[in-house]
Amino acid sequence: GFQSFVEVGDQVEAGQKLLEFDLQQMK
């Protein structure tokens, strides 16, 4: 239920997508 869009060492900007996660799977 987790999908990452970055890796260690990446430089990211404010508002850039880092991660998606499934709330229903947690529930």
mmCIF file of all heavy atoms, coordinates in Angstrom:
data_MODEL
# 
_entry.id   MODEL 
# 
loop_
_atom_site.group_PDB 
_atom_site.id 
_atom_site.type_symbol 
_atom_site.label_atom_id 
_atom_site.label_alt_id 
_atom_site.label_comp_id 
_atom_site.label_asym_id 
_atom_site.label_entity_id 
_atom_site.label_seq_id 
_atom_site.pdbx_PDB_ins_code 
_atom_site.Cartn_x 
_atom_site.Cartn_y 
_atom_site.Cartn_z 
_atom_site.occupancy 
_atom_site.B_iso_or_equiv 
_atom_site.pdbx_formal_charge 
_atom_site.auth_seq_id 
_atom_site.auth_comp_id 
_atom_site.auth_asym_id 
_atom_site.auth_atom_id 
_atom_site.pdbx_PDB_model_num 
ATOM 1   N N   . GLY A 1 1  ? 0.798   -1.215 0.000  1.00 0.00 ? 1  GLY A N   1 
ATOM 2   C CA  . GLY A 1 1  ? 0.000   0.000  0.000  1.00 0.00 ? 1  GLY A CA  1 
ATOM 3   C C   . GLY A 1 1  ? 0.831   1.266  0.000  1.00 0.00 ? 1  GLY A C   1 
ATOM 4   O O   . GLY A 1 1  ? 0.279   2.366  0.008  1.00 0.00 ? 1  GLY A O   1 
ATOM 5   N N   . PHE A 1 2  ? 2.169   1.155  -0.028 1.00 0.00 ? 2  PHE A N   1 
ATOM 6   C CA  . PHE A 1 2  ? 3.054   2.317  -0.041 1.00 0.00 ? 2  PHE A CA  1 
ATOM 7   C C   . PHE A 1 2  ? 3.834   2.366  -1.359 1.00 0.00 ? 2  PHE A C   1 
ATOM 8   O O   . PHE A 1 2  ? 4.329   1.344  -1.834 1.00 0.00 ? 2  PHE A O   1 
ATOM 9   C CB  . PHE A 1 2  ? 4.045   2.268  1.124  1.00 0.00 ? 2  PHE A CB  1 
ATOM 10  C CG  . PHE A 1 2  ? 3.414   2.488  2.460  1.00 0.00 ? 2  PHE A CG  1 
ATOM 11  C CD1 . PHE A 1 2  ? 2.865   1.434  3.177  1.00 0.00 ? 2  PHE A CD1 1 
ATOM 12  C CD2 . PHE A 1 2  ? 3.361   3.760  3.010  1.00 0.00 ? 2  PHE A CD2 1 
ATOM 13  C CE1 . PHE A 1 2  ? 2.271   1.638  4.405  1.00 0.00 ? 2  PHE A CE1 1 
ATOM 14  C CE2 . PHE A 1 2  ? 2.778   3.970  4.241  1.00 0.00 ? 2  PHE A CE2 1 
ATOM 15  C CZ  . PHE A 1 2  ? 2.225   2.913  4.943  1.00 0.00 ? 2  PHE A CZ  1 
ATOM 16  N N   . GLN A 1 3  ? 3.953   3.557  -1.928 1.00 0.00 ? 3  GLN A N   1 
ATOM 17  C CA  . GLN A 1 3  ? 4.759   3.760  -3.133 1.00 0.00 ? 3  GLN A CA  1 
ATOM 18  C C   . GLN A 1 3  ? 5.587   5.021  -2.967 1.00 0.00 ? 3  GLN A C   1 
ATOM 19  O O   . GLN A 1 3  ? 5.045   6.115  -2.765 1.00 0.00 ? 3  GLN A O   1 
ATOM 20  C CB  . GLN A 1 3  ? 3.866   3.884  -4.376 1.00 0.00 ? 3  GLN A CB  1 
ATOM 21  C CG  . GLN A 1 3  ? 4.658   4.061  -5.656 1.00 0.00 ? 3  GLN A CG  1 
ATOM 22  C CD  . GLN A 1 3  ? 3.777   4.194  -6.881 1.00 0.00 ? 3  GLN A CD  1 
ATOM 23  O OE1 . GLN A 1 3  ? 2.550   4.198  -6.773 1.00 0.00 ? 3  GLN A OE1 1 
ATOM 24  N NE2 . GLN A 1 3  ? 4.382   4.300  -8.050 1.00 0.00 ? 3  GLN A NE2 1 
ATOM 25  N N   . SER A 1 4  ? 6.899   4.860  -3.031 1.00 0.00 ? 4  SER A N   1 
ATOM 26  C CA  . SER A 1 4  ? 7.798   5.995  -2.859 1.00 0.00 ? 4  SER A CA  1 
ATOM 27  C C   . SER A 1 4  ? 8.233   6.533  -4.217 1.00 0.00 ? 4  SER A C   1 
ATOM 28  O O   . SER A 1 4  ? 8.456   5.765  -5.156 1.00 0.00 ? 4  SER A O   1 
ATOM 29  C CB  . SER A 1 4  ? 9.032   5.574  -2.054 1.00 0.00 ? 4  SER A CB  1 
ATOM 30  O OG  . SER A 1 4  ? 9.965   6.634  -1.984 1.00 0.00 ? 4  SER A OG  1 
ATOM 31  N N   . PHE A 1 5  ? 8.369   7.870  -4.293 1.00 0.00 ? 5  PHE A N   1 
ATOM 32  C CA  . PHE A 1 5  ? 8.785   8.519  -5.539 1.00 0.00 ? 5  PHE A CA  1 
ATOM 33  C C   . PHE A 1 5  ? 10.170  9.152  -5.418 1.00 0.00 ? 5  PHE A C   1 
ATOM 34  O O   . PHE A 1 5  ? 10.598  9.871  -6.308 1.00 0.00 ? 5  PHE A O   1 
ATOM 35  C CB  . PHE A 1 5  ? 7.757   9.590  -5.925 1.00 0.00 ? 5  PHE A CB  1 
ATOM 36  C CG  . PHE A 1 5  ? 6.382   9.026  -6.200 1.00 0.00 ? 5  PHE A CG  1 
ATOM 37  C CD1 . PHE A 1 5  ? 5.424   9.012  -5.203 1.00 0.00 ? 5  PHE A CD1 1 
ATOM 38  C CD2 . PHE A 1 5  ? 6.076   8.470  -7.433 1.00 0.00 ? 5  PHE A CD2 1 
ATOM 39  C CE1 . PHE A 1 5  ? 4.168   8.494  -5.441 1.00 0.00 ? 5  PHE A CE1 1 
ATOM 40  C CE2 . PHE A 1 5  ? 4.812   7.938  -7.676 1.00 0.00 ? 5  PHE A CE2 1 
ATOM 41  C CZ  . PHE A 1 5  ? 3.852   7.941  -6.682 1.00 0.00 ? 5  PHE A CZ  1 
ATOM 42  N N   . VAL A 1 6  ? 10.838  8.913  -4.285 1.00 0.00 ? 6  VAL A N   1 
ATOM 43  C CA  . VAL A 1 6  ? 12.163  9.493  -4.068 1.00 0.00 ? 6  VAL A CA  1 
ATOM 44  C C   . VAL A 1 6  ? 13.087  8.443  -3.473 1.00 0.00 ? 6  VAL A C   1 
ATOM 45  O O   . VAL A 1 6  ? 12.636  7.411  -2.967 1.00 0.00 ? 6  VAL A O   1 
ATOM 46  C CB  . VAL A 1 6  ? 12.095  10.717 -3.127 1.00 0.00 ? 6  VAL A CB  1 
ATOM 47  C CG1 . VAL A 1 6  ? 11.362  11.861 -3.783 1.00 0.00 ? 6  VAL A CG1 1 
ATOM 48  C CG2 . VAL A 1 6  ? 11.450  10.338 -1.783 1.00 0.00 ? 6  VAL A CG2 1 
ATOM 49  N N   . GLU A 1 7  ? 14.390  8.735  -3.524 1.00 0.00 ? 7  GLU A N   1 
ATOM 50  C CA  . GLU A 1 7  ? 15.402  7.882  -2.928 1.00 0.00 ? 7  GLU A CA  1 
ATOM 51  C C   . GLU A 1 7  ? 16.305  8.721  -2.040 1.00 0.00 ? 7  GLU A C   1 
ATOM 52  O O   . GLU A 1 7  ? 16.333  9.955  -2.142 1.00 0.00 ? 7  GLU A O   1 
ATOM 53  C CB  . GLU A 1 7  ? 16.232  7.196  -4.019 1.00 0.00 ? 7  GLU A CB  1 
ATOM 54  C CG  . GLU A 1 7  ? 15.434  6.252  -4.911 1.00 0.00 ? 7  GLU A CG  1 
ATOM 55  C CD  . GLU A 1 7  ? 16.310  5.623  -5.982 1.00 0.00 ? 7  GLU A CD  1 
ATOM 56  O OE1 . GLU A 1 7  ? 17.495  6.036  -6.086 1.00 0.00 ? 7  GLU A OE1 1 
ATOM 57  O OE2 . GLU A 1 7  ? 15.810  4.749  -6.706 1.00 0.00 ? 7  GLU A OE2 1 
ATOM 58  N N   . VAL A 1 8  ? 17.048  8.050  -1.165 1.00 0.00 ? 8  VAL A N   1 
ATOM 59  C CA  . VAL A 1 8  ? 17.991  8.753  -0.302 1.00 0.00 ? 8  VAL A CA  1 
ATOM 60  C C   . VAL A 1 8  ? 18.986  9.528  -1.160 1.00 0.00 ? 8  VAL A C   1 
ATOM 61  O O   . VAL A 1 8  ? 19.538  9.000  -2.132 1.00 0.00 ? 8  VAL A O   1 
ATOM 62  C CB  . VAL A 1 8  ? 18.725  7.768  0.625  1.00 0.00 ? 8  VAL A CB  1 
ATOM 63  C CG1 . VAL A 1 8  ? 19.823  8.475  1.405  1.00 0.00 ? 8  VAL A CG1 1 
ATOM 64  C CG2 . VAL A 1 8  ? 17.746  7.117  1.588  1.00 0.00 ? 8  VAL A CG2 1 
ATOM 65  N N   . GLY A 1 9  ? 19.211  10.781 -0.802 1.00 0.00 ? 9  GLY A N   1 
ATOM 66  C CA  . GLY A 1 9  ? 20.131  11.631 -1.540 1.00 0.00 ? 9  GLY A CA  1 
ATOM 67  C C   . GLY A 1 9  ? 19.453  12.562 -2.522 1.00 0.00 ? 9  GLY A C   1 
ATOM 68  O O   . GLY A 1 9  ? 20.073  13.520 -3.008 1.00 0.00 ? 9  GLY A O   1 
ATOM 69  N N   . ASP A 1 10 ? 18.181  12.316 -2.839 1.00 0.00 ? 10 ASP A N   1 
ATOM 70  C CA  . ASP A 1 10 ? 17.450  13.184 -3.761 1.00 0.00 ? 10 ASP A CA  1 
ATOM 71  C C   . ASP A 1 10 ? 17.255  14.569 -3.154 1.00 0.00 ? 10 ASP A C   1 
ATOM 72  O O   . ASP A 1 10 ? 17.030  14.712 -1.938 1.00 0.00 ? 10 ASP A O   1 
ATOM 73  C CB  . ASP A 1 10 ? 16.083  12.591 -4.097 1.00 0.00 ? 10 ASP A CB  1 
ATOM 74  C CG  . ASP A 1 10 ? 16.173  11.403 -5.044 1.00 0.00 ? 10 ASP A CG  1 
ATOM 75  O OD1 . ASP A 1 10 ? 17.292  11.116 -5.501 1.00 0.00 ? 10 ASP A OD1 1 
ATOM 76  O OD2 . ASP A 1 10 ? 15.132  10.767 -5.301 1.00 0.00 ? 10 ASP A OD2 1 
ATOM 77  N N   . GLN A 1 11 ? 17.321  15.599 -3.996 1.00 0.00 ? 11 GLN A N   1 
ATOM 78  C CA  . GLN A 1 11 ? 16.980  16.953 -3.600 1.00 0.00 ? 11 GLN A CA  1 
ATOM 79  C C   . GLN A 1 11 ? 15.535  17.212 -4.039 1.00 0.00 ? 11 GLN A C   1 
ATOM 80  O O   . GLN A 1 11 ? 15.204  17.005 -5.211 1.00 0.00 ? 11 GLN A O   1 
ATOM 81  C CB  . GLN A 1 11 ? 17.922  17.968 -4.251 1.00 0.00 ? 11 GLN A CB  1 
ATOM 82  C CG  . GLN A 1 11 ? 19.388  17.775 -3.904 1.00 0.00 ? 11 GLN A CG  1 
ATOM 83  C CD  . GLN A 1 11 ? 19.686  18.078 -2.451 1.00 0.00 ? 11 GLN A CD  1 
ATOM 84  O OE1 . GLN A 1 11 ? 19.085  18.965 -1.854 1.00 0.00 ? 11 GLN A OE1 1 
ATOM 85  N NE2 . GLN A 1 11 ? 20.641  17.345 -1.884 1.00 0.00 ? 11 GLN A NE2 1 
ATOM 86  N N   . VAL A 1 12 ? 14.688  17.648 -3.116 1.00 0.00 ? 12 VAL A N   1 
ATOM 87  C CA  . VAL A 1 12 ? 13.270  17.829 -3.438 1.00 0.00 ? 12 VAL A CA  1 
ATOM 88  C C   . VAL A 1 12 ? 12.854  19.267 -3.161 1.00 0.00 ? 12 VAL A C   1 
ATOM 89  O O   . VAL A 1 12 ? 13.443  19.958 -2.318 1.00 0.00 ? 12 VAL A O   1 
ATOM 90  C CB  . VAL A 1 12 ? 12.385  16.857 -2.620 1.00 0.00 ? 12 VAL A CB  1 
ATOM 91  C CG1 . VAL A 1 12 ? 12.670  15.420 -3.008 1.00 0.00 ? 12 VAL A CG1 1 
ATOM 92  C CG2 . VAL A 1 12 ? 12.593  17.047 -1.115 1.00 0.00 ? 12 VAL A CG2 1 
ATOM 93  N N   . GLU A 1 13 ? 11.840  19.709 -3.877 1.00 0.00 ? 13 GLU A N   1 
ATOM 94  C CA  . GLU A 1 13 ? 11.283  21.034 -3.701 1.00 0.00 ? 13 GLU A CA  1 
ATOM 95  C C   . GLU A 1 13 ? 10.036  20.957 -2.824 1.00 0.00 ? 13 GLU A C   1 
ATOM 96  O O   . GLU A 1 13 ? 9.385   19.905 -2.730 1.00 0.00 ? 13 GLU A O   1 
ATOM 97  C CB  . GLU A 1 13 ? 10.917  21.641 -5.061 1.00 0.00 ? 13 GLU A CB  1 
ATOM 98  C CG  . GLU A 1 13 ? 12.095  21.843 -5.996 1.00 0.00 ? 13 GLU A CG  1 
ATOM 99  C CD  . GLU A 1 13 ? 13.065  22.902 -5.487 1.00 0.00 ? 13 GLU A CD  1 
ATOM 100 O OE1 . GLU A 1 13 ? 12.607  23.863 -4.821 1.00 0.00 ? 13 GLU A OE1 1 
ATOM 101 O OE2 . GLU A 1 13 ? 14.277  22.774 -5.761 1.00 0.00 ? 13 GLU A OE2 1 
ATOM 102 N N   . ALA A 1 14 ? 9.683   22.066 -2.195 1.00 0.00 ? 14 ALA A N   1 
ATOM 103 C CA  . ALA A 1 14 ? 8.449   22.117 -1.402 1.00 0.00 ? 14 ALA A CA  1 
ATOM 104 C C   . ALA A 1 14 ? 7.263   21.792 -2.286 1.00 0.00 ? 14 ALA A C   1 
ATOM 105 O O   . ALA A 1 14 ? 7.125   22.328 -3.391 1.00 0.00 ? 14 ALA A O   1 
ATOM 106 C CB  . ALA A 1 14 ? 8.284   23.497 -0.771 1.00 0.00 ? 14 ALA A CB  1 
ATOM 107 N N   . GLY A 1 15 ? 6.400   20.895 -1.826 1.00 0.00 ? 15 GLY A N   1 
ATOM 108 C CA  . GLY A 1 15 ? 5.219   20.506 -2.587 1.00 0.00 ? 15 GLY A CA  1 
ATOM 109 C C   . GLY A 1 15 ? 5.434   19.332 -3.517 1.00 0.00 ? 15 GLY A C   1 
ATOM 110 O O   . GLY A 1 15 ? 4.477   18.836 -4.126 1.00 0.00 ? 15 GLY A O   1 
ATOM 111 N N   . GLN A 1 16 ? 6.672   18.841 -3.624 1.00 0.00 ? 16 GLN A N   1 
ATOM 112 C CA  . GLN A 1 16 ? 6.948   17.697 -4.494 1.00 0.00 ? 16 GLN A CA  1 
ATOM 113 C C   . GLN A 1 16 ? 6.422   16.414 -3.853 1.00 0.00 ? 16 GLN A C   1 
ATOM 114 O O   . GLN A 1 16 ? 6.549   16.201 -2.647 1.00 0.00 ? 16 GLN A O   1 
ATOM 115 C CB  . GLN A 1 16 ? 8.448   17.581 -4.737 1.00 0.00 ? 16 GLN A CB  1 
ATOM 116 C CG  . GLN A 1 16 ? 8.856   16.431 -5.646 1.00 0.00 ? 16 GLN A CG  1 
ATOM 117 C CD  . GLN A 1 16 ? 10.349  16.435 -5.920 1.00 0.00 ? 16 GLN A CD  1 
ATOM 118 O OE1 . GLN A 1 16 ? 11.009  17.479 -5.858 1.00 0.00 ? 16 GLN A OE1 1 
ATOM 119 N NE2 . GLN A 1 16 ? 10.906  15.271 -6.232 1.00 0.00 ? 16 GLN A NE2 1 
ATOM 120 N N   . LYS A 1 17 ? 5.839   15.539 -4.690 1.00 0.00 ? 17 LYS A N   1 
ATOM 121 C CA  . LYS A 1 17 ? 5.288   14.296 -4.156 1.00 0.00 ? 17 LYS A CA  1 
ATOM 122 C C   . LYS A 1 17 ? 6.413   13.362 -3.711 1.00 0.00 ? 17 LYS A C   1 
ATOM 123 O O   . LYS A 1 17 ? 7.346   13.071 -4.454 1.00 0.00 ? 17 LYS A O   1 
ATOM 124 C CB  . LYS A 1 17 ? 4.427   13.589 -5.199 1.00 0.00 ? 17 LYS A CB  1 
ATOM 125 C CG  . LYS A 1 17 ? 3.715   12.333 -4.649 1.00 0.00 ? 17 LYS A CG  1 
ATOM 126 C CD  . LYS A 1 17 ? 3.040   11.530 -5.739 1.00 0.00 ? 17 LYS A CD  1 
ATOM 127 C CE  . LYS A 1 17 ? 1.850   12.261 -6.332 1.00 0.00 ? 17 LYS A CE  1 
ATOM 128 N NZ  . LYS A 1 17 ? 1.115   11.392 -7.283 1.00 0.00 ? 17 LYS A NZ  1 
ATOM 129 N N   . LEU A 1 18 ? 6.298   12.889 -2.462 1.00 0.00 ? 18 LEU A N   1 
ATOM 130 C CA  . LEU A 1 18 ? 7.286   11.969 -1.902 1.00 0.00 ? 18 LEU A CA  1 
ATOM 131 C C   . LEU A 1 18 ? 6.779   10.537 -1.835 1.00 0.00 ? 18 LEU A C   1 
ATOM 132 O O   . LEU A 1 18 ? 7.537   9.587  -2.030 1.00 0.00 ? 18 LEU A O   1 
ATOM 133 C CB  . LEU A 1 18 ? 7.679   12.414 -0.486 1.00 0.00 ? 18 LEU A CB  1 
ATOM 134 C CG  . LEU A 1 18 ? 8.221   13.835 -0.296 1.00 0.00 ? 18 LEU A CG  1 
ATOM 135 C CD1 . LEU A 1 18 ? 8.501   14.082 1.172  1.00 0.00 ? 18 LEU A CD1 1 
ATOM 136 C CD2 . LEU A 1 18 ? 9.458   14.059 -1.132 1.00 0.00 ? 18 LEU A CD2 1 
ATOM 137 N N   . LEU A 1 19 ? 5.491   10.411 -1.556 1.00 0.00 ? 19 LEU A N   1 
ATOM 138 C CA  . LEU A 1 19 ? 4.967   9.093  -1.197 1.00 0.00 ? 19 LEU A CA  1 
ATOM 139 C C   . LEU A 1 19 ? 3.469   9.046  -1.429 1.00 0.00 ? 19 LEU A C   1 
ATOM 140 O O   . LEU A 1 19 ? 2.776   10.051 -1.269 1.00 0.00 ? 19 LEU A O   1 
ATOM 141 C CB  . LEU A 1 19 ? 5.263   8.827  0.294  1.00 0.00 ? 19 LEU A CB  1 
ATOM 142 C CG  . LEU A 1 19 ? 4.949   7.460  0.886  1.00 0.00 ? 19 LEU A CG  1 
ATOM 143 C CD1 . LEU A 1 19 ? 5.950   6.439  0.373  1.00 0.00 ? 19 LEU A CD1 1 
ATOM 144 C CD2 . LEU A 1 19 ? 5.030   7.525  2.414  1.00 0.00 ? 19 LEU A CD2 1 
ATOM 145 N N   . GLU A 1 20 ? 2.978   7.883  -1.828 1.00 0.00 ? 20 GLU A N   1 
ATOM 146 C CA  . GLU A 1 20 ? 1.545   7.611  -1.827 1.00 0.00 ? 20 GLU A CA  1 
ATOM 147 C C   . GLU A 1 20 ? 1.296   6.414  -0.917 1.00 0.00 ? 20 GLU A C   1 
ATOM 148 O O   . GLU A 1 20 ? 2.111   5.487  -0.854 1.00 0.00 ? 20 GLU A O   1 
ATOM 149 C CB  . GLU A 1 20 ? 1.029   7.313  -3.239 1.00 0.00 ? 20 GLU A CB  1 
ATOM 150 C CG  . GLU A 1 20 ? 0.937   8.545  -4.125 1.00 0.00 ? 20 GLU A CG  1 
ATOM 151 C CD  . GLU A 1 20 ? 0.290   8.237  -5.474 1.00 0.00 ? 20 GLU A CD  1 
ATOM 152 O OE1 . GLU A 1 20 ? -0.025  7.047  -5.722 1.00 0.00 ? 20 GLU A OE1 1 
ATOM 153 O OE2 . GLU A 1 20 ? 0.107   9.178  -6.264 1.00 0.00 ? 20 GLU A OE2 1 
ATOM 154 N N   . PHE A 1 21 ? 0.174   6.429  -0.195 1.00 0.00 ? 21 PHE A N   1 
ATOM 155 C CA  . PHE A 1 21 ? -0.134  5.327  0.710  1.00 0.00 ? 21 PHE A CA  1 
ATOM 156 C C   . PHE A 1 21 ? -1.637  5.071  0.705  1.00 0.00 ? 21 PHE A C   1 
ATOM 157 O O   . PHE A 1 21 ? -2.448  5.973  0.463  1.00 0.00 ? 21 PHE A O   1 
ATOM 158 C CB  . PHE A 1 21 ? 0.360   5.607  2.135  1.00 0.00 ? 21 PHE A CB  1 
ATOM 159 C CG  . PHE A 1 21 ? -0.055  6.946  2.689  1.00 0.00 ? 21 PHE A CG  1 
ATOM 160 C CD1 . PHE A 1 21 ? -1.186  7.077  3.469  1.00 0.00 ? 21 PHE A CD1 1 
ATOM 161 C CD2 . PHE A 1 21 ? 0.701   8.081  2.419  1.00 0.00 ? 21 PHE A CD2 1 
ATOM 162 C CE1 . PHE A 1 21 ? -1.556  8.300  3.989  1.00 0.00 ? 21 PHE A CE1 1 
ATOM 163 C CE2 . PHE A 1 21 ? 0.332   9.316  2.939  1.00 0.00 ? 21 PHE A CE2 1 
ATOM 164 C CZ  . PHE A 1 21 ? -0.797  9.429  3.723  1.00 0.00 ? 21 PHE A CZ  1 
ATOM 165 N N   . ASP A 1 22 ? -1.999  3.825  0.960  1.00 0.00 ? 22 ASP A N   1 
ATOM 166 C CA  . ASP A 1 22 ? -3.388  3.377  0.868  1.00 0.00 ? 22 ASP A CA  1 
ATOM 167 C C   . ASP A 1 22 ? -4.040  3.430  2.255  1.00 0.00 ? 22 ASP A C   1 
ATOM 168 O O   . ASP A 1 22 ? -3.794  2.563  3.102  1.00 0.00 ? 22 ASP A O   1 
ATOM 169 C CB  . ASP A 1 22 ? -3.430  1.950  0.314  1.00 0.00 ? 22 ASP A CB  1 
ATOM 170 C CG  . ASP A 1 22 ? -4.845  1.496  -0.035 1.00 0.00 ? 22 ASP A CG  1 
ATOM 171 O OD1 . ASP A 1 22 ? -5.809  2.110  0.477  1.00 0.00 ? 22 ASP A OD1 1 
ATOM 172 O OD2 . ASP A 1 22 ? -4.987  0.543  -0.806 1.00 0.00 ? 22 ASP A OD2 1 
ATOM 173 N N   . LEU A 1 23 ? -4.883  4.436  2.481  1.00 0.00 ? 23 LEU A N   1 
ATOM 174 C CA  . LEU A 1 23 ? -5.561  4.569  3.774  1.00 0.00 ? 23 LEU A CA  1 
ATOM 175 C C   . LEU A 1 23 ? -6.513  3.412  4.039  1.00 0.00 ? 23 LEU A C   1 
ATOM 176 O O   . LEU A 1 23 ? -6.682  2.980  5.181  1.00 0.00 ? 23 LEU A O   1 
ATOM 177 C CB  . LEU A 1 23 ? -6.317  5.895  3.827  1.00 0.00 ? 23 LEU A CB  1 
ATOM 178 C CG  . LEU A 1 23 ? -5.467  7.162  3.981  1.00 0.00 ? 23 LEU A CG  1 
ATOM 179 C CD1 . LEU A 1 23 ? -6.313  8.397  3.767  1.00 0.00 ? 23 LEU A CD1 1 
ATOM 180 C CD2 . LEU A 1 23 ? -4.820  7.198  5.354  1.00 0.00 ? 23 LEU A CD2 1 
ATOM 181 N N   . GLN A 1 24 ? -7.155  2.918  2.992  1.00 0.00 ? 24 GLN A N   1 
ATOM 182 C CA  . GLN A 1 24 ? -8.102  1.815  3.171  1.00 0.00 ? 24 GLN A CA  1 
ATOM 183 C C   . GLN A 1 24 ? -7.392  0.551  3.644  1.00 0.00 ? 24 GLN A C   1 
ATOM 184 O O   . GLN A 1 24 ? -7.936  -0.218 4.429  1.00 0.00 ? 24 GLN A O   1 
ATOM 185 C CB  . GLN A 1 24 ? -8.854  1.548  1.857  1.00 0.00 ? 24 GLN A CB  1 
ATOM 186 C CG  . GLN A 1 24 ? -9.791  2.671  1.448  1.00 0.00 ? 24 GLN A CG  1 
ATOM 187 C CD  . GLN A 1 24 ? -10.829 2.955  2.526  1.00 0.00 ? 24 GLN A CD  1 
ATOM 188 O OE1 . GLN A 1 24 ? -11.421 2.046  3.108  1.00 0.00 ? 24 GLN A OE1 1 
ATOM 189 N NE2 . GLN A 1 24 ? -11.059 4.241  2.797  1.00 0.00 ? 24 GLN A NE2 1 
ATOM 190 N N   . GLN A 1 25 ? -6.178  0.329  3.156  1.00 0.00 ? 25 GLN A N   1 
ATOM 191 C CA  . GLN A 1 25 ? -5.429  -0.852 3.579  1.00 0.00 ? 25 GLN A CA  1 
ATOM 192 C C   . GLN A 1 25 ? -5.048  -0.741 5.052  1.00 0.00 ? 25 GLN A C   1 
ATOM 193 O O   . GLN A 1 25 ? -5.073  -1.732 5.794  1.00 0.00 ? 25 GLN A O   1 
ATOM 194 C CB  . GLN A 1 25 ? -4.169  -1.007 2.724  1.00 0.00 ? 25 GLN A CB  1 
ATOM 195 C CG  . GLN A 1 25 ? -3.480  -2.353 2.917  1.00 0.00 ? 25 GLN A CG  1 
ATOM 196 C CD  . GLN A 1 25 ? -2.735  -2.791 1.670  1.00 0.00 ? 25 GLN A CD  1 
ATOM 197 O OE1 . GLN A 1 25 ? -2.700  -2.088 0.682  1.00 0.00 ? 25 GLN A OE1 1 
ATOM 198 N NE2 . GLN A 1 25 ? -2.150  -3.974 1.702  1.00 0.00 ? 25 GLN A NE2 1 
ATOM 199 N N   . MET A 1 26 ? -4.708  0.477  5.499  1.00 0.00 ? 26 MET A N   1 
ATOM 200 C CA  . MET A 1 26 ? -4.429  0.679  6.925  1.00 0.00 ? 26 MET A CA  1 
ATOM 201 C C   . MET A 1 26 ? -5.676  0.398  7.751  1.00 0.00 ? 26 MET A C   1 
ATOM 202 O O   . MET A 1 26 ? -5.626  -0.258 8.795  1.00 0.00 ? 26 MET A O   1 
ATOM 203 C CB  . MET A 1 26 ? -3.970  2.124  7.168  1.00 0.00 ? 26 MET A CB  1 
ATOM 204 C CG  . MET A 1 26 ? -2.606  2.462  6.642  1.00 0.00 ? 26 MET A CG  1 
ATOM 205 S SD  . MET A 1 26 ? -2.148  4.130  7.180  1.00 0.00 ? 26 MET A SD  1 
ATOM 206 C CE  . MET A 1 26 ? -0.973  4.542  5.899  1.00 0.00 ? 26 MET A CE  1 
ATOM 207 N N   . LYS A 1 27 ? -6.816  0.933  7.275  1.00 0.00 ? 27 LYS A N   1 
ATOM 208 C CA  . LYS A 1 27 ? -8.067  0.742  8.004  1.00 0.00 ? 27 LYS A CA  1 
ATOM 209 C C   . LYS A 1 27 ? -8.429  -0.723 8.100  1.00 0.00 ? 27 LYS A C   1 
ATOM 210 O O   . LYS A 1 27 ? -8.871  -1.212 9.146  1.00 0.00 ? 27 LYS A O   1 
ATOM 211 C CB  . LYS A 1 27 ? -9.185  1.533  7.314  1.00 0.00 ? 27 LYS A CB  1 
ATOM 212 C CG  . LYS A 1 27 ? -10.500 1.525  8.058  1.00 0.00 ? 27 LYS A CG  1 
ATOM 213 C CD  . LYS A 1 27 ? -11.528 2.399  7.347  1.00 0.00 ? 27 LYS A CD  1 
ATOM 214 C CE  . LYS A 1 27 ? -12.853 2.402  8.103  1.00 0.00 ? 27 LYS A CE  1 
ATOM 215 N NZ  . LYS A 1 27 ? -13.876 3.243  7.408  1.00 0.00 ? 27 LYS A NZ  1 
# 
